[in-house]
Amino acid sequence: MVLFLSYSMVLYFRDYQETQPADALAQEGKMIWQQKNCVSCHQLYGLGGHLGPDLTNVYSKKGDAYIKAFLQTGTVVMPNFHLSEKEMQALISFLKYTDGTGVSDPSSFTKHIYGTISQ
């Protein structure tokens, strides 16, 4: 019990880094992510489809030009969604915002047979 209370106090008084809310462009990008059902193939934080890569930290690893190239042309397995310039910028802004909220290393996750994961 003492250990629990001590740990609770540490957590209560510890400083934490607060994430800023997404700006309007990133929120629009999130809507496009949902409307185009990107999660059916891609993952954020290791959650989502498994056909495409996890995109949690794609912005810091590859940059916006790399992301835009894929959005403009698609790939063999990813169709070209014919996004406008504004829609591409919004989606890139959403991925940039997501990148800043954490790090995902899906290879460190344990996948359970009943569909959940743990770290």
Foldseek 3Di string as FASTA:
>chain_A
DVVVVVVVVCVVPDDDDDQDDQDPLLVLLVVVCVVVVVQCPEAALLHGRPNDYHLQQCCVVPNLVVQVVCQCCPDPPGHNPPDDPSNSSSNSSNSVSSNVPDDHDNVPWDADPVGDIDD
